[in-house]
Amino acid sequence: MKKSRGRTGRKRRRKHSQSSADGVNCSNKPEYIKLKKWLKGRGFEDSNLRPAEFWGTGRGLMTTKALRAGDLVISLPEKCILTTDTVLSSGLGEYIMKWKPPVSPLIALCTFLIAEKHAGEKSLWKPYLDVLPKTYTCPVCLEHDVVSLLPEPLRKKAQEQRTIVHELYLSSKAFFSSLQPLFTENTETVFNYSALEWAWCAINTRTIYMKHLQRECFSLEPDVYALAPYLDLLNHSPNVQVEAAFNEQTRSYEIRTNSPCKKYEEVFICYGPHDNQRLLLEYGFVAMNNPHSSVYVSSDILLKYFPPLDKQRKAKISILKDHGFLENLTFGWDGPSWRLLTALKLLSLEADEFTSWRRILLGDVISARNEQQALTVTAKICHFLIEETQHVLLQISRLKRNKENLKNQLALVEALRLEDLRILQKSAELL
């Protein structure tokens, strides 16, 4: 399942371990007994999955029978799934229908989660709400001190994410006020910023992709979010393959695995081929030994190694910009990316070679000197990033000693930076 649409996120930092037979069965905990009973009442047949706590990944689902490729992992009936249909058929429905300009499907779902959580015992969705994480570790929830330790491109995206949620809150305040007749308390206390942040994270990290037809009572944003109780306990691994979709015949959301799984092991699904920066940004965790992980090189770092007096410098930068070669420049497990090397070769062109810039973008070799110069600069950038990463890791270990309350958040950034360091060291060896 891909975050770009389908999302089934988990909340915490996760190390992926293939031998996950270290799970402690939790199905006898009161909250899971209530959840299973509630799901059964909505037509969910008990599968071979049991909630468990795993050493590497935290909360997840283990299988009580060996799974082969092609096996159905879980089938969740439509009645168990929370969508905008659920919201419209609740007490909020009439308020959403008459509100102008229309709210987005996302705000409708956030509003529903906040209202149901506030209703407590009276909520029909209480058994599900009780197993949702109380806190999240998406960048929007991280403390300022922690965000400043993120790699530059991710730090920028984290700040954008914070702005998005903040603006969403401000633009929805009038709508929240219109719901006052449904509450005895003031809506400002029910729908405060932290309540919206929690609901937004729950949806952003956990939803699956289910397309709904465009409805007039909602704004034009795609209505594709759905929360899937129990199913959303499945953790992500970059090393498995699954097929996941809503089955129109059975009216259920189904997941089939293409990766075998031993009895009593943790069952994983894959949210898509995401690198760790994307996983942290969208789901609030990192996957160790993630084959998709990369370290990004910002354009500032790139340009630092080229003489500012180069007469063609401006033209080179503008060519790179026009052809999209100033972003997504990375180091991966197999060394510097083709895009990074191409950008550096273009910047390394001598005045008499400059007219050959198109050939560089096509992957041609211009001269041995140009190739060597680009590799020399690549190695310098790699070593600079290694030193920077080591410096940040040192800061993190100091902060962990002094700021007990930030321990979990810091551990998350530390895991990301350690993986970056391993990738950069591997790249340095290759270079």
Protein backbone atom coordinates (compact mmCIF):
# COMPACT_ATOMS: atom_id res chain seq x y z
CA MET A 1 0.00 0.00 0.00
CA LYS A 2 1.38 3.34 -0.94
CA LYS A 3 1.16 6.44 1.11
CA SER A 4 0.68 8.53 -2.01
CA ARG A 5 -2.84 7.20 -1.73
CA GLY A 6 -3.36 4.10 0.41
CA ARG A 7 -1.91 4.39 3.87
CA THR A 8 -1.89 1.98 6.75
CA GLY A 9 0.65 3.67 8.96
CA ARG A 10 2.16 2.73 12.29
CA LYS A 11 3.15 5.18 14.92
CA ARG A 12 6.49 4.26 16.34
CA ARG A 13 10.10 3.90 15.36
CA ARG A 14 10.59 0.43 14.02
CA LYS A 15 13.58 -1.69 13.40
CA HIS A 16 12.77 -4.33 10.86
CA SER A 17 13.87 -7.80 11.84
CA GLN A 18 13.17 -10.84 9.68
CA SER A 19 13.14 -13.21 12.65
CA SER A 20 10.16 -11.73 14.43
CA ALA A 21 9.14 -14.87 16.28
CA ASP A 22 9.78 -12.93 19.48
CA GLY A 23 6.22 -11.64 19.75
CA VAL A 24 4.25 -11.72 23.00
CA ASN A 25 0.58 -12.52 22.31
CA CYS A 26 -1.66 -9.69 23.56
CA SER A 27 -5.06 -10.97 22.44
CA ASN A 28 -6.12 -11.51 26.08
CA LYS A 29 -5.76 -7.79 26.88
CA PRO A 30 -9.21 -6.23 27.62
CA GLU A 31 -8.95 -3.62 24.84
CA TYR A 32 -8.28 -6.29 22.17
CA ILE A 33 -11.03 -8.59 23.48
CA LYS A 34 -13.48 -5.66 23.20
CA LEU A 35 -12.20 -4.73 19.75
CA LYS A 36 -12.54 -8.30 18.41
CA LYS A 37 -16.06 -8.62 19.87
CA TRP A 38 -17.05 -5.28 18.32
CA LEU A 39 -15.63 -6.30 14.91
CA LYS A 40 -17.39 -9.67 15.08
CA GLY A 41 -20.68 -7.82 15.62
CA ARG A 42 -19.98 -6.02 12.33
CA GLY A 43 -19.36 -9.23 10.38
CA PHE A 44 -15.59 -9.70 10.77
CA GLU A 45 -14.63 -13.40 10.76
CA ASP A 46 -11.80 -14.18 13.15
CA SER A 47 -8.66 -14.61 11.07
CA ASN A 48 -5.35 -16.25 12.01
CA LEU A 49 -3.98 -12.94 13.23
CA ARG A 50 -3.34 -12.11 16.89
CA PRO A 51 -2.29 -8.74 18.37
CA ALA A 52 1.20 -9.04 19.82
CA GLU A 53 4.09 -6.94 21.11
CA PHE A 54 7.31 -7.49 19.19
CA TRP A 55 10.79 -6.60 20.36
CA GLY A 56 11.77 -4.85 17.14
CA THR A 57 8.55 -3.26 15.94
CA GLY A 58 6.36 -2.74 19.00
CA ARG A 59 2.69 -3.52 18.49
CA GLY A 60 1.80 -5.67 15.49
CA LEU A 61 -0.04 -8.81 14.34
CA MET A 62 1.31 -12.37 14.46
CA THR A 63 -0.04 -15.30 12.47
CA THR A 64 -1.18 -18.54 14.14
CA LYS A 65 -0.63 -20.51 10.93
CA ALA A 66 2.09 -20.45 8.26
CA LEU A 67 1.20 -18.18 5.35
CA ARG A 68 2.11 -19.02 1.76
CA ALA A 69 2.38 -16.62 -1.17
CA GLY A 70 -1.13 -15.82 -2.43
CA ASP A 71 -2.81 -16.43 0.96
CA LEU A 72 -5.47 -14.02 2.20
CA VAL A 73 -4.04 -12.27 5.27
CA ILE A 74 -7.15 -10.34 6.31
CA SER A 75 -10.59 -9.48 4.96
CA LEU A 76 -12.28 -6.55 6.69
CA PRO A 77 -16.01 -6.03 5.93
CA GLU A 78 -17.16 -2.61 4.75
CA LYS A 79 -19.22 -2.20 7.97
CA CYS A 80 -16.01 -2.16 10.02
CA ILE A 81 -14.35 0.55 7.92
CA LEU A 82 -14.58 4.21 8.87
CA THR A 83 -15.10 6.47 5.83
CA THR A 84 -16.83 9.75 4.98
CA ASP A 85 -20.04 7.66 4.59
CA THR A 86 -19.75 6.87 8.30
CA VAL A 87 -19.35 10.57 9.07
CA LEU A 88 -22.32 11.64 6.93
CA SER A 89 -24.63 9.09 8.56
CA SER A 90 -23.66 10.36 12.05
CA GLY A 91 -25.02 13.42 13.87
CA LEU A 92 -22.38 15.51 12.08
CA GLY A 93 -23.91 14.73 8.68
CA GLU A 94 -26.52 17.50 8.55
CA TYR A 95 -23.98 20.12 9.69
CA ILE A 96 -21.52 19.06 6.97
CA MET A 97 -24.26 19.05 4.31
CA LYS A 98 -25.22 22.67 4.96
CA TRP A 99 -21.77 24.16 5.63
CA LYS A 100 -20.42 26.52 2.96
CA PRO A 101 -17.82 26.52 1.54
CA PRO A 102 -17.80 22.69 1.81
CA VAL A 103 -15.28 21.06 4.16
CA SER A 104 -12.71 18.59 2.83
CA PRO A 105 -13.19 14.81 3.28
CA LEU A 106 -10.08 14.93 5.51
CA ILE A 107 -11.59 17.56 7.85
CA ALA A 108 -14.86 15.58 7.99
CA LEU A 109 -12.94 12.51 9.20
CA CYS A 110 -10.83 14.53 11.66
CA THR A 111 -14.00 16.12 13.08
CA PHE A 112 -15.61 12.70 13.47
CA LEU A 113 -12.59 11.25 15.31
CA ILE A 114 -12.41 14.22 17.70
CA ALA A 115 -16.17 14.15 18.39
CA GLU A 116 -16.22 10.37 18.97
CA LYS A 117 -13.18 10.49 21.22
CA HIS A 118 -14.88 13.27 23.19
CA ALA A 119 -18.11 11.20 23.45
CA GLY A 120 -16.16 8.53 25.39
CA GLU A 121 -18.42 5.67 26.53
CA LYS A 122 -21.26 6.90 24.33
CA SER A 123 -19.26 6.46 21.10
CA LEU A 124 -20.15 3.50 18.86
CA TRP A 125 -16.50 3.49 17.80
CA LYS A 126 -15.06 3.38 21.33
CA PRO A 127 -13.48 -0.11 20.99
CA TYR A 128 -11.50 1.15 18.01
CA LEU A 129 -10.62 4.54 19.50
CA ASP A 130 -9.29 2.77 22.61
CA VAL A 131 -6.57 0.99 20.63
CA LEU A 132 -5.48 4.05 18.62
CA PRO A 133 -2.15 5.52 19.75
CA LYS A 134 -2.50 8.32 22.30
CA THR A 135 0.46 10.16 20.78
CA TYR A 136 2.23 10.15 17.43
CA THR A 137 5.80 10.74 16.29
CA CYS A 138 5.18 12.42 12.92
CA PRO A 139 7.35 15.55 12.50
CA VAL A 140 4.27 17.74 13.17
CA CYS A 141 4.30 16.44 16.77
CA LEU A 142 8.04 16.68 17.36
CA GLU A 143 9.54 19.34 19.61
CA HIS A 144 11.41 22.20 17.94
CA ASP A 145 14.76 21.00 19.40
CA VAL A 146 14.22 17.59 17.81
CA VAL A 147 13.11 18.91 14.39
CA SER A 148 16.32 21.00 14.19
CA LEU A 149 18.32 17.72 14.26
CA LEU A 150 16.65 16.32 11.14
CA PRO A 151 18.52 16.32 7.80
CA GLU A 152 17.94 19.60 5.93
CA PRO A 153 15.47 18.41 3.23
CA LEU A 154 13.38 16.58 5.83
CA ARG A 155 13.51 19.53 8.23
CA LYS A 156 12.03 21.70 5.50
CA LYS A 157 9.23 19.19 4.83
CA ALA A 158 8.58 18.86 8.57
CA GLN A 159 8.07 22.62 8.78
CA GLU A 160 5.74 22.49 5.77
CA GLN A 161 3.76 19.71 7.46
CA ARG A 162 3.42 21.80 10.61
CA THR A 163 2.17 24.75 8.56
CA ILE A 164 -0.39 22.58 6.74
CA VAL A 165 -1.89 21.28 10.01
CA HIS A 166 -1.86 24.73 11.58
CA GLU A 167 -3.63 26.30 8.59
CA LEU A 168 -6.10 23.42 8.52
CA TYR A 169 -6.94 24.19 12.14
CA LEU A 170 -7.38 27.92 11.56
CA SER A 171 -9.49 27.46 8.42
CA SER A 172 -11.78 24.94 10.20
CA LYS A 173 -12.49 26.94 13.36
CA ALA A 174 -15.70 28.50 12.01
CA PHE A 175 -16.98 25.07 10.95
CA PHE A 176 -16.16 23.65 14.40
CA SER A 177 -18.13 26.49 16.01
CA SER A 178 -21.17 25.61 13.89
CA LEU A 179 -21.28 22.23 15.70
CA GLN A 180 -21.98 23.90 19.07
CA PRO A 181 -25.61 22.55 19.27
CA LEU A 182 -24.16 19.00 19.46
CA PHE A 183 -22.04 19.72 22.56
CA THR A 184 -22.62 20.85 26.11
CA GLU A 185 -19.04 22.21 26.40
CA ASN A 186 -17.68 25.02 24.31
CA THR A 187 -16.55 23.66 20.90
CA GLU A 188 -13.28 25.58 21.30
CA THR A 189 -12.28 23.25 24.12
CA VAL A 190 -13.40 20.11 22.25
CA PHE A 191 -11.84 21.02 18.89
CA ASN A 192 -8.59 22.54 20.09
CA TYR A 193 -5.31 22.42 18.17
CA SER A 194 -3.90 19.34 19.90
CA ALA A 195 -7.14 17.41 19.23
CA LEU A 196 -6.89 18.24 15.52
CA GLU A 197 -3.17 17.36 15.42
CA TRP A 198 -3.94 13.94 16.97
CA ALA A 199 -6.82 13.25 14.53
CA TRP A 200 -4.77 14.42 11.53
CA CYS A 201 -1.89 12.11 12.50
CA ALA A 202 -4.27 9.17 13.05
CA ILE A 203 -5.59 9.61 9.50
CA ASN A 204 -2.30 10.51 7.84
CA THR A 205 -0.46 7.50 9.29
CA ARG A 206 -3.16 4.84 9.27
CA THR A 207 -5.59 5.16 6.38
CA ILE A 208 -6.01 2.74 3.53
CA TYR A 209 -6.96 3.85 0.03
CA MET A 210 -10.67 3.63 -0.83
CA LYS A 211 -12.02 5.83 -3.60
CA HIS A 212 -15.43 7.47 -3.11
CA LEU A 213 -17.45 9.35 -5.69
CA GLN A 214 -17.22 13.13 -5.58
CA ARG A 215 -20.02 14.59 -3.43
CA GLU A 216 -21.29 18.15 -3.37
CA CYS A 217 -21.14 18.39 0.41
CA PHE A 218 -17.33 18.03 0.26
CA SER A 219 -14.63 20.18 -1.31
CA LEU A 220 -12.85 18.96 -4.43
CA GLU A 221 -9.99 17.13 -2.67
CA PRO A 222 -10.08 13.39 -3.46
CA ASP A 223 -12.21 11.39 -1.01
CA VAL A 224 -9.90 8.38 -0.63
CA TYR A 225 -9.25 7.98 3.11
CA ALA A 226 -10.56 5.05 5.13
CA LEU A 227 -9.65 3.86 8.63
CA ALA A 228 -9.47 0.07 8.98
CA PRO A 229 -9.69 -1.18 12.59
CA TYR A 230 -7.46 -4.19 13.39
CA LEU A 231 -6.03 -4.26 9.86
CA ASP A 232 -4.12 -1.07 10.75
CA LEU A 233 -2.13 -2.97 13.37
CA LEU A 234 -0.09 -4.52 10.53
CA ASN A 235 3.44 -3.10 10.45
CA HIS A 236 5.53 -2.11 7.44
CA SER A 237 8.53 -3.94 6.06
CA PRO A 238 10.29 -2.88 2.86
CA ASN A 239 11.10 -6.53 2.20
CA VAL A 240 7.60 -7.96 1.68
CA GLN A 241 5.09 -7.71 -1.14
CA VAL A 242 1.32 -7.63 -0.73
CA GLU A 243 -1.77 -6.96 -2.80
CA ALA A 244 -4.34 -4.79 -1.07
CA ALA A 245 -7.66 -3.49 -2.38
CA PHE A 246 -11.36 -3.24 -1.74
CA ASN A 247 -13.14 -6.29 -3.17
CA GLU A 248 -16.45 -5.20 -4.75
CA GLN A 249 -17.80 -8.80 -4.72
CA THR A 250 -17.25 -9.50 -1.02
CA ARG A 251 -17.65 -5.80 -0.02
CA SER A 252 -14.48 -6.18 2.08
CA TYR A 253 -11.02 -4.70 2.12
CA GLU A 254 -8.63 -7.57 1.46
CA ILE A 255 -4.89 -8.05 1.80
CA ARG A 256 -3.09 -10.97 0.17
CA THR A 257 0.57 -11.65 0.81
CA ASN A 258 3.12 -12.54 -1.84
CA SER A 259 5.74 -13.25 0.83
CA PRO A 260 5.56 -16.45 2.92
CA CYS A 261 5.45 -16.09 6.72
CA LYS A 262 6.16 -18.74 9.37
CA LYS A 263 3.69 -19.68 12.11
CA TYR A 264 3.85 -17.29 15.13
CA GLU A 265 5.88 -14.72 13.22
CA GLU A 266 4.92 -11.11 12.72
CA VAL A 267 2.94 -10.49 9.52
CA PHE A 268 4.18 -7.45 7.60
CA ILE A 269 2.74 -5.44 4.77
CA CYS A 270 4.51 -2.88 2.60
CA TYR A 271 3.34 0.74 2.41
CA GLY A 272 5.40 1.30 -0.72
CA PRO A 273 9.09 1.65 -1.72
CA HIS A 274 9.67 4.59 0.64
CA ASP A 275 13.00 5.80 1.98
CA ASN A 276 13.35 6.50 5.69
CA GLN A 277 12.83 10.25 5.36
CA ARG A 278 9.47 9.60 3.72
CA LEU A 279 8.56 6.96 6.32
CA LEU A 280 9.36 9.33 9.16
CA LEU A 281 7.53 12.24 7.54
CA GLU A 282 4.35 10.31 6.73
CA TYR A 283 4.21 7.58 9.36
CA GLY A 284 6.48 8.63 12.22
CA PHE A 285 8.94 5.70 12.13
CA VAL A 286 12.07 4.49 10.36
CA ALA A 287 12.84 1.00 9.03
CA MET A 288 16.35 -0.27 9.67
CA ASN A 289 18.32 -1.75 6.73
CA ASN A 290 15.78 -0.18 4.42
CA PRO A 291 16.90 -0.96 0.84
CA HIS A 292 15.12 2.20 -0.38
CA SER A 293 16.94 4.55 1.98
CA SER A 294 18.97 7.47 0.65
CA VAL A 295 20.82 10.49 1.96
CA TYR A 296 19.83 13.69 0.15
CA VAL A 297 22.30 16.33 -0.99
CA SER A 298 20.90 19.87 -0.91
CA SER A 299 21.76 22.30 -3.71
CA ASP A 300 23.60 24.53 -1.19
CA ILE A 301 26.04 21.73 -0.35
CA LEU A 302 26.37 20.85 -4.02
CA LEU A 303 27.38 24.36 -5.06
CA LYS A 304 29.74 24.95 -2.16
CA TYR A 305 32.48 22.95 -3.92
CA PHE A 306 32.54 25.00 -7.12
CA PRO A 307 34.37 28.33 -7.57
CA PRO A 308 31.97 31.28 -7.34
CA LEU A 309 34.14 33.02 -9.98
CA ASP A 310 33.35 30.42 -12.67
CA LYS A 311 31.94 32.56 -15.52
CA GLN A 312 29.45 29.85 -16.53
CA ARG A 313 28.33 29.11 -12.97
CA LYS A 314 25.01 30.94 -13.37
CA ALA A 315 24.26 29.24 -16.69
CA LYS A 316 25.14 25.80 -15.25
CA ILE A 317 22.84 26.31 -12.26
CA SER A 318 20.04 27.45 -14.53
CA ILE A 319 20.47 24.36 -16.81
CA LEU A 320 20.38 22.05 -13.77
CA LYS A 321 17.30 23.82 -12.46
CA ASP A 322 15.46 23.69 -15.80
CA HIS A 323 16.11 19.95 -16.15
CA GLY A 324 15.22 19.12 -12.53
CA PHE A 325 18.79 18.26 -11.53
CA LEU A 326 18.93 20.34 -8.36
CA GLU A 327 16.70 18.02 -6.34
CA ASN A 328 16.55 14.31 -5.49
CA LEU A 329 20.33 14.09 -5.56
CA THR A 330 21.27 11.21 -3.29
CA PHE A 331 23.71 8.70 -1.89
CA GLY A 332 22.29 5.19 -1.55
CA TRP A 333 23.55 1.75 -0.47
CA ASP A 334 25.18 1.45 -3.91
CA GLY A 335 26.92 4.84 -3.75
CA PRO A 336 26.15 8.21 -5.36
CA SER A 337 23.09 8.26 -7.61
CA TRP A 338 23.35 8.81 -11.36
CA ARG A 339 21.52 12.12 -10.92
CA LEU A 340 24.05 13.37 -8.36
CA LEU A 341 27.01 12.39 -10.54
CA THR A 342 25.38 13.98 -13.61
CA ALA A 343 24.84 17.29 -11.76
CA LEU A 344 28.46 17.26 -10.56
CA LYS A 345 29.81 16.46 -14.05
CA LEU A 346 27.90 19.39 -15.48
CA LEU A 347 29.19 21.73 -12.77
CA SER A 348 32.73 20.42 -13.40
CA LEU A 349 32.73 21.36 -17.11
CA GLU A 350 35.67 23.58 -18.16
CA ALA A 351 34.95 26.69 -20.23
CA ASP A 352 35.99 24.94 -23.48
CA GLU A 353 33.74 21.92 -22.67
CA PHE A 354 30.67 23.91 -21.70
CA THR A 355 28.93 23.58 -25.08
CA SER A 356 28.77 19.78 -24.47
CA TRP A 357 26.39 20.14 -21.50
CA ARG A 358 23.53 18.36 -23.33
CA ARG A 359 25.71 15.27 -23.77
CA ILE A 360 26.31 15.19 -20.00
CA LEU A 361 22.56 15.07 -19.35
CA LEU A 362 22.33 12.14 -21.79
CA GLY A 363 25.00 10.25 -19.86
CA ASP A 364 27.94 10.67 -22.25
CA VAL A 365 31.58 10.91 -21.13
CA ILE A 366 33.05 14.30 -22.05
CA SER A 367 36.62 13.85 -20.84
CA ALA A 368 38.65 11.82 -18.33
CA ARG A 369 39.38 15.07 -16.46
CA ASN A 370 35.66 15.85 -16.13
CA GLU A 371 34.89 12.35 -14.84
CA GLN A 372 37.74 12.52 -12.30
CA GLN A 373 36.81 16.02 -11.11
CA ALA A 374 33.17 14.96 -10.54
CA LEU A 375 34.28 11.90 -8.50
CA THR A 376 36.67 14.01 -6.41
CA VAL A 377 33.88 16.46 -5.52
CA THR A 378 31.47 13.55 -4.83
CA ALA A 379 33.96 12.12 -2.32
CA LYS A 380 34.37 15.55 -0.65
CA ILE A 381 30.58 15.95 -0.31
CA CYS A 382 30.30 12.43 1.08
CA HIS A 383 32.96 13.10 3.74
CA PHE A 384 31.39 16.45 4.62
CA LEU A 385 28.01 14.70 5.17
CA ILE A 386 29.67 11.97 7.26
CA GLU A 387 31.21 14.60 9.57
CA GLU A 388 27.93 16.52 9.77
CA THR A 389 25.99 13.34 10.62
CA GLN A 390 28.52 12.33 13.31
CA HIS A 391 28.28 15.82 14.80
CA VAL A 392 24.45 15.57 14.99
CA LEU A 393 24.66 12.09 16.57
CA LEU A 394 26.90 13.57 19.25
CA GLN A 395 24.34 16.33 19.92
CA ILE A 396 21.57 13.71 20.15
CA SER A 397 23.42 11.62 22.73
CA ARG A 398 24.00 14.76 24.84
CA LEU A 399 20.33 15.74 24.62
CA LYS A 400 19.22 12.20 25.54
CA ARG A 401 21.09 12.54 28.81
CA ASN A 402 19.64 15.97 29.61
CA LYS A 403 16.09 15.78 28.26
CA GLU A 404 14.34 12.69 29.57
CA ASN A 405 10.96 13.84 28.17
CA LEU A 406 12.33 13.86 24.59
CA LYS A 407 13.96 10.41 24.74
CA ASN A 408 11.54 8.70 22.32
CA GLN A 409 11.60 11.53 19.80
CA LEU A 410 15.39 11.71 19.93
CA ALA A 411 15.71 7.93 19.51
CA LEU A 412 13.72 8.25 16.29
CA VAL A 413 16.02 10.91 14.79
CA GLU A 414 19.04 8.94 16.04
CA ALA A 415 17.85 5.83 14.17
CA LEU A 416 17.43 7.89 10.98
CA ARG A 417 20.87 9.49 11.32
CA LEU A 418 22.60 6.16 12.11
CA GLU A 419 21.14 4.65 8.94
CA ASP A 420 22.33 7.76 7.01
CA LEU A 421 25.81 7.32 8.45
CA ARG A 422 25.96 3.67 7.33
CA ILE A 423 24.86 4.64 3.80
CA LEU A 424 27.46 7.44 3.59
CA GLN A 425 30.26 5.20 4.91
CA LYS A 426 29.33 2.55 2.34
CA SER A 427 29.38 5.25 -0.40
CA ALA A 428 32.78 6.51 0.79
CA GLU A 429 34.19 2.96 0.50
CA LEU A 430 32.79 2.60 -3.02
CA LEU A 431 34.24 5.96 -4.06
